[in-house]
Protein backbone atom coordinates (compact mmCIF):
# COMPACT_ATOMS: atom_id res chain seq x y z
CA MET A 1 82.22 144.03 62.80
CA THR A 2 80.40 145.35 59.73
CA PRO A 3 77.63 147.99 60.16
CA GLY A 4 75.04 145.59 58.90
CA THR A 5 76.04 142.90 61.34
CA ARG A 6 76.10 145.32 64.18
CA CYS A 7 72.57 146.55 63.39
CA ARG A 8 71.25 142.96 63.27
CA ILE A 9 72.93 142.22 66.64
CA VAL A 10 71.44 145.45 68.16
CA ALA A 11 68.01 144.40 66.87
CA LEU A 12 68.40 140.92 68.48
CA PHE A 13 69.70 142.48 71.66
CA LEU A 14 66.58 144.65 71.91
CA CYS A 15 64.27 141.80 71.16
CA ALA A 16 65.86 139.85 73.99
CA LEU A 17 65.52 142.76 76.38
CA VAL A 18 61.90 143.37 75.46
CA ALA A 19 61.05 139.66 75.86
CA GLN A 20 62.69 139.65 79.28
CA GLY A 21 61.30 142.96 80.46
CA CYS A 22 57.64 142.41 79.40
CA ASN A 23 57.30 139.49 81.81
CA ARG A 24 58.20 141.64 84.76
CA PRO A 25 55.58 143.06 87.14
CA THR A 26 55.19 146.82 87.38
CA PRO A 27 57.40 148.11 90.22
CA GLY A 28 55.54 149.33 93.27
CA ASN A 29 57.31 152.67 93.30
CA ILE A 30 55.76 153.79 89.98
CA MET A 31 53.14 156.33 91.00
CA SER A 32 49.61 156.45 89.63
CA LEU A 33 48.62 159.80 88.17
CA PRO A 34 45.15 161.29 87.99
CA ALA A 35 43.25 161.39 84.73
CA THR A 36 43.73 165.07 84.01
CA GLY A 37 45.68 167.13 81.60
CA SER A 38 46.29 166.61 77.96
CA VAL A 39 48.88 164.96 75.73
CA PRO A 40 50.56 167.55 73.43
CA GLU A 41 50.40 166.74 69.76
CA VAL A 42 54.16 167.20 69.59
CA ILE A 43 56.77 166.04 72.00
CA ASP A 44 60.15 167.49 71.21
CA ILE A 45 62.14 165.97 74.10
CA ALA A 46 61.48 162.84 76.20
CA VAL A 47 63.37 162.98 79.46
CA ILE A 48 63.93 159.59 81.03
CA THR A 49 64.97 159.18 84.70
CA VAL A 50 65.37 156.01 86.73
CA ILE A 51 64.74 156.58 90.41
CA PRO A 52 62.31 158.91 92.36
CA GLU A 53 65.11 161.34 93.32
CA GLU A 54 65.94 161.97 89.67
CA TYR A 55 62.31 162.15 88.58
CA GLU A 56 61.31 164.57 91.39
CA ALA A 57 64.34 166.76 90.84
CA PHE A 58 63.42 167.33 87.19
CA VAL A 59 59.66 167.52 87.49
CA GLY A 60 60.04 169.87 90.42
CA LYS A 61 61.70 172.45 88.22
CA LEU A 62 58.88 172.50 85.63
CA SER A 63 56.07 175.03 85.44
CA ALA A 64 52.65 173.39 85.49
CA PRO A 65 53.51 169.82 84.55
CA LEU A 66 50.48 167.72 83.46
CA PRO A 67 49.98 163.99 83.68
CA LEU A 68 48.86 162.05 80.69
CA PRO A 69 45.13 161.49 80.30
CA VAL A 70 43.53 158.08 80.52
CA CYS A 71 42.60 156.70 77.10
CA ALA A 72 41.51 153.37 75.74
CA GLY A 73 44.43 150.95 75.49
CA CYS A 74 46.82 153.46 77.17
CA THR A 75 48.86 153.03 80.34
CA ASN A 76 51.18 155.36 82.19
CA ARG A 77 53.75 152.77 83.12
CA TYR A 78 56.53 155.31 83.44
CA ALA A 79 54.55 158.08 85.24
CA TRP A 80 54.88 160.46 82.29
CA VAL A 81 54.12 164.09 82.77
CA THR A 82 54.29 166.78 80.06
CA ALA A 83 55.21 170.43 80.15
CA GLU A 84 56.24 173.34 77.92
CA VAL A 85 59.68 174.93 78.32
CA GLN A 86 60.56 178.18 76.70
CA SER A 87 63.94 177.79 74.88
CA GLY A 88 65.94 180.88 74.05
CA ALA A 89 64.33 183.26 71.52
CA ARG A 90 62.16 180.59 69.94
CA LYS A 91 58.62 181.70 69.10
CA ASN A 92 57.13 178.46 70.36
CA PRO A 93 58.20 176.63 73.50
CA LEU A 94 59.58 173.10 73.37
CA ARG A 95 57.22 170.44 74.63
CA ILE A 96 58.70 167.76 76.80
CA ALA A 97 57.63 164.57 78.53
CA VAL A 98 59.32 163.31 81.69
CA GLY A 99 59.15 159.70 82.84
CA MET A 100 60.63 157.38 85.46
CA ILE A 101 61.73 153.85 84.76
CA GLY A 102 61.60 152.75 88.36
CA GLU A 103 64.21 149.97 88.17
CA PRO A 104 67.87 149.81 87.08
CA GLY A 105 69.49 147.92 84.29
CA LEU A 106 70.09 147.84 80.54
CA THR A 107 66.74 146.02 80.00
CA ALA A 108 64.84 148.70 81.80
CA GLY A 109 66.69 151.46 79.92
CA ALA A 110 65.96 149.86 76.51
CA LEU A 111 62.30 149.24 77.25
CA ALA A 112 61.58 152.70 78.59
CA THR A 113 63.36 154.32 75.64
CA GLN A 114 61.56 152.13 73.10
CA ARG A 115 58.20 152.92 74.69
CA ALA A 116 58.97 156.66 74.73
CA ILE A 117 59.85 156.59 71.05
CA GLU A 118 56.75 154.64 70.14
CA ARG A 119 54.42 156.76 72.16
CA PHE A 120 55.72 160.26 71.58
CA ARG A 121 58.01 160.18 68.52
CA PRO A 122 60.29 162.71 70.22
CA ARG A 123 63.10 164.40 68.31
CA HIS A 124 65.43 163.86 71.23
CA ILE A 125 65.82 161.55 74.29
CA LEU A 126 67.56 162.91 77.36
CA LEU A 127 68.65 160.32 79.91
CA VAL A 128 69.08 162.32 83.13
CA GLY A 129 70.09 161.01 86.55
CA ILE A 130 73.00 159.89 88.74
CA ALA A 131 76.10 157.75 88.23
CA GLY A 132 79.25 156.56 89.88
CA GLY A 133 82.46 158.41 89.02
CA ILE A 134 86.07 157.38 88.51
CA PRO A 135 88.38 158.69 91.28
CA GLU A 136 90.58 161.70 90.33
CA ARG A 137 88.60 162.21 87.05
CA VAL A 138 85.36 163.53 88.55
CA HIS A 139 84.09 164.49 92.03
CA ARG A 140 80.75 164.08 93.80
CA GLY A 141 78.34 166.68 92.56
CA ASP A 142 79.94 167.09 89.14
CA VAL A 143 77.81 166.63 86.04
CA VAL A 144 79.06 164.32 83.28
CA VAL A 145 77.93 164.69 79.68
CA ALA A 146 78.77 161.34 78.01
CA ASN A 147 80.57 161.61 74.68
CA ALA A 148 80.33 157.82 74.35
CA VAL A 149 78.27 155.12 76.03
CA TRP A 150 79.92 151.68 76.18
CA ASN A 151 78.29 148.39 77.15
CA TYR A 152 81.30 147.07 79.00
CA ASP A 153 79.61 143.73 79.89
CA TYR A 154 80.14 142.51 76.33
CA GLY A 155 83.38 140.59 75.70
CA SER A 156 85.01 137.17 75.69
CA LEU A 157 85.54 135.01 78.77
CA ASP A 158 88.41 132.51 78.87
CA ARG A 159 90.68 132.45 81.83
CA THR A 160 90.09 136.13 82.13
CA PHE A 161 87.51 138.55 80.80
CA THR A 162 88.39 140.56 77.69
CA PRO A 163 85.96 143.43 77.15
CA ARG A 164 85.13 144.48 73.59
CA LEU A 165 84.16 147.89 72.32
CA ASP A 166 81.61 146.61 69.71
CA PHE A 167 78.64 148.12 71.55
CA THR A 168 79.87 151.71 71.92
CA TYR A 169 77.25 154.26 71.10
CA ARG A 170 77.74 157.95 70.24
CA PRO A 171 75.34 160.75 71.36
CA ASP A 172 73.51 163.15 69.17
CA GLU A 173 76.41 165.35 67.95
CA ALA A 174 74.43 168.63 67.93
CA LEU A 175 73.28 168.10 71.50
CA LEU A 176 76.74 167.06 72.67
CA GLN A 177 78.34 170.16 71.23
CA ALA A 178 75.66 172.37 72.73
CA ALA A 179 76.15 170.80 76.13
CA LEU A 180 79.94 171.23 75.92
CA ALA A 181 79.54 174.85 74.86
CA LEU A 182 76.94 175.72 77.51
CA ASP A 183 78.18 178.69 79.58
CA ALA A 184 74.93 179.59 81.41
CA PRO A 185 75.22 179.37 85.24
CA TRP A 186 73.41 176.06 85.63
CA GLN A 187 74.77 175.63 89.13
CA LYS A 188 72.42 178.41 90.35
CA GLU A 189 69.48 176.21 89.55
CA ILE A 190 70.51 173.59 92.12
CA ARG A 191 68.13 173.79 95.08
CA THR A 192 69.39 170.86 97.16
CA THR A 193 72.03 171.43 99.83
CA ALA A 194 75.12 169.28 99.29
CA PRO A 195 76.30 167.07 102.21
CA GLU A 196 79.58 168.98 102.10
CA PRO A 197 80.89 172.09 100.34
CA VAL A 198 81.34 171.51 96.60
CA SER A 199 81.90 173.49 93.44
CA PRO A 200 80.23 171.33 90.73
CA VAL A 201 81.54 171.53 87.20
CA ARG A 202 80.52 170.01 83.89
CA ARG A 203 82.79 167.25 82.69
CA SER A 204 82.76 165.01 79.64
CA GLY A 205 84.15 161.64 78.75
CA SER A 206 83.31 158.01 78.05
CA ASN A 207 80.56 156.36 80.11
CA ALA A 208 80.67 152.62 81.04
CA SER A 209 77.20 151.02 81.15
CA GLY A 210 76.35 147.60 82.48
CA TYR A 211 74.41 145.53 84.95
CA LYS A 212 76.90 145.76 87.83
CA VAL A 213 76.80 148.07 90.89
CA VAL A 214 80.53 148.88 91.10
CA GLU A 215 81.58 149.42 94.72
CA THR A 216 85.32 149.09 94.22
CA LEU A 217 87.76 149.41 91.36
CA ALA A 218 90.07 146.84 93.00
CA THR A 219 88.85 143.87 90.90
CA GLU A 220 90.43 142.26 87.85
CA PHE A 221 87.15 142.68 85.92
CA ILE A 222 86.94 146.43 86.40
CA ASP A 223 90.66 146.84 85.96
CA ARG A 224 90.36 145.27 82.49
CA VAL A 225 87.41 147.51 81.70
CA LEU A 226 89.31 150.67 82.68
CA GLN A 227 92.36 149.52 80.68
CA ARG A 228 90.25 148.92 77.61
CA ASP A 229 88.84 152.42 77.67
CA PRO A 230 91.05 154.84 79.59
CA ALA A 231 88.62 157.73 78.84
CA ILE A 232 85.88 156.37 81.21
CA VAL A 233 84.77 159.01 83.72
CA SER A 234 81.44 157.53 84.85
CA ILE A 235 79.65 154.21 85.39
CA GLU A 236 75.91 153.54 85.35
CA MET A 237 73.34 150.87 84.42
CA GLU A 238 70.83 152.12 81.80
CA GLY A 239 72.66 154.10 79.16
CA ALA A 240 73.67 151.35 76.80
CA GLY A 241 70.12 149.96 76.77
CA ALA A 242 68.64 153.37 75.98
CA ALA A 243 71.32 153.95 73.25
CA ALA A 244 70.59 150.55 71.65
CA ALA A 245 66.91 151.43 71.46
CA VAL A 246 67.67 154.78 69.84
CA GLU A 247 70.05 153.18 67.32
CA GLU A 248 67.42 150.55 66.40
CA ALA A 249 64.80 153.29 65.95
CA ARG A 250 67.13 155.25 63.69
CA GLU A 251 67.68 152.16 61.61
CA GLN A 252 63.88 152.01 61.20
CA GLY A 253 63.84 155.58 59.86
CA VAL A 254 62.86 157.41 63.06
CA ASP A 255 64.61 160.75 63.46
CA VAL A 256 65.66 160.63 67.13
CA GLY A 257 68.87 161.41 68.98
CA LEU A 258 70.15 160.70 72.48
CA LEU A 259 72.16 162.58 75.07
CA MET A 260 73.00 161.36 78.60
CA ILE A 261 73.56 163.72 81.47
CA ARG A 262 74.58 162.28 84.85
CA GLY A 263 75.32 163.80 88.28
CA ILE A 264 78.03 162.02 90.23
CA SER A 265 76.66 160.56 93.48
CA ASP A 266 79.34 158.13 94.48
CA ILE A 267 83.02 157.27 93.85
CA PRO A 268 83.98 153.56 93.99
CA GLN A 269 86.96 152.73 96.18
CA PRO A 270 90.15 152.98 94.09
CA ARG A 271 92.67 150.14 93.73
CA GLY A 272 95.01 149.88 96.65
CA LYS A 273 92.56 151.11 99.27
CA PRO A 274 90.43 148.95 101.55
CA LEU A 275 86.73 148.61 100.69
CA LEU A 276 85.14 150.93 103.21
CA GLY A 277 81.70 150.86 101.65
CA ASP A 278 80.45 153.86 99.70
CA LYS A 279 76.72 153.15 100.13
CA PRO A 280 76.07 155.62 102.97
CA ASP A 281 77.81 158.40 100.97
CA ARG A 282 75.85 157.39 97.86
CA GLU A 283 72.55 157.76 99.76
CA LYS A 284 73.58 161.12 101.12
CA TRP A 285 74.53 162.43 97.66
CA LYS A 286 71.69 161.04 95.63
CA ALA A 287 69.38 164.03 95.93
CA TYR A 288 72.14 166.57 95.26
CA ALA A 289 73.56 164.71 92.23
CA ALA A 290 70.08 164.25 90.81
CA ASP A 291 69.37 168.00 91.27
CA ALA A 292 72.67 168.90 89.61
CA ALA A 293 71.96 166.76 86.56
CA ALA A 294 68.39 168.16 86.27
CA SER A 295 69.66 171.70 86.64
CA PHE A 296 72.21 171.26 83.86
CA ALA A 297 69.71 169.53 81.56
CA LEU A 298 67.00 172.13 82.03
CA THR A 299 69.47 174.96 81.56
CA LEU A 300 70.58 173.37 78.35
CA ILE A 301 67.01 173.19 77.13
CA ARG A 302 66.19 176.74 78.15
CA SER A 303 69.32 178.52 76.90
CA GLY A 304 71.43 176.30 74.69
CA TRP A 305 69.16 173.94 72.80
CA PRO A 306 70.44 173.67 69.25
CA ALA A 307 67.85 171.68 67.31
CA ALA A 308 64.98 173.40 65.45
CA VAL A 309 61.52 172.43 66.55
CA GLN A 310 60.17 169.79 64.16
CA GLY A 311 56.87 170.00 62.36
CA ARG A 312 53.74 168.53 63.86
CA ARG A 313 54.09 164.85 64.59
CA GLU A 314 51.49 162.41 65.71
CA GLY A 315 52.84 160.08 68.37
CA ALA A 316 51.43 156.61 69.03
CA ARG A 317 49.17 156.62 72.06
CA GLY A 318 48.77 152.92 72.90
CA SER A 319 51.97 152.09 74.85
């Protein structure tokens, strides 16, 4: 596939997602925020979470987060709050916005990322939350920094499904290298008690992103996915949508990069073992995995952030 063809397909993919997503009602679990605070003129980093556990873990670590003010034509669909975070020896703190999608899926990931880019014009997008992990490659409580995000749902279906790697997205290289080099003790920032003793570590590898909640690896579909990309360490449901939105924005001349950080909350049953059901374990580990991912992400911002603060930018305020 040529770069031009790929870009046109990404644009059509996003148009389809937006058309589908805009007809959906606002989820009930998106909180309403009071009309106080102020929107910074510059947002350096937009942090996107999906579920309340992820959102609360990140916002709970911020000093004096402020909700967006009410303004004509504005909404706070994603419960955005803003804060300043001191980063290393920089003279000025980094300004961040943190939001919650409230529903899973590639469509939701693409819409939220597109809205964040339109509203804030951030230099970077961080997708921070939880994911499933591949047995023997990661463990519950580990944090995965994705070095590739692959939409594994795309492929050809004949008698069997053949996944294709066309929609594989790469993260912002500077952020990825900074995350891989981070040696600050991010584990000390985790406040949640793990359901069982763990020693979380940072891992990196390919991330599989699609619409499916994978409970077991003992299916022909997932087996073909894992064979197609043996480097997969995590599976989740929003990354490819967010990455497609970032790629489209970059094609339109917007200077924005993406990094995805995920805490491992569940491990699908491996092939050859009976399906015992991992949902109870997933529920127990959600809060810890979300806290681990937020701890790593904030430690990265505070001590290892590589990108220089951009000049003053005026973000759109009408989304």
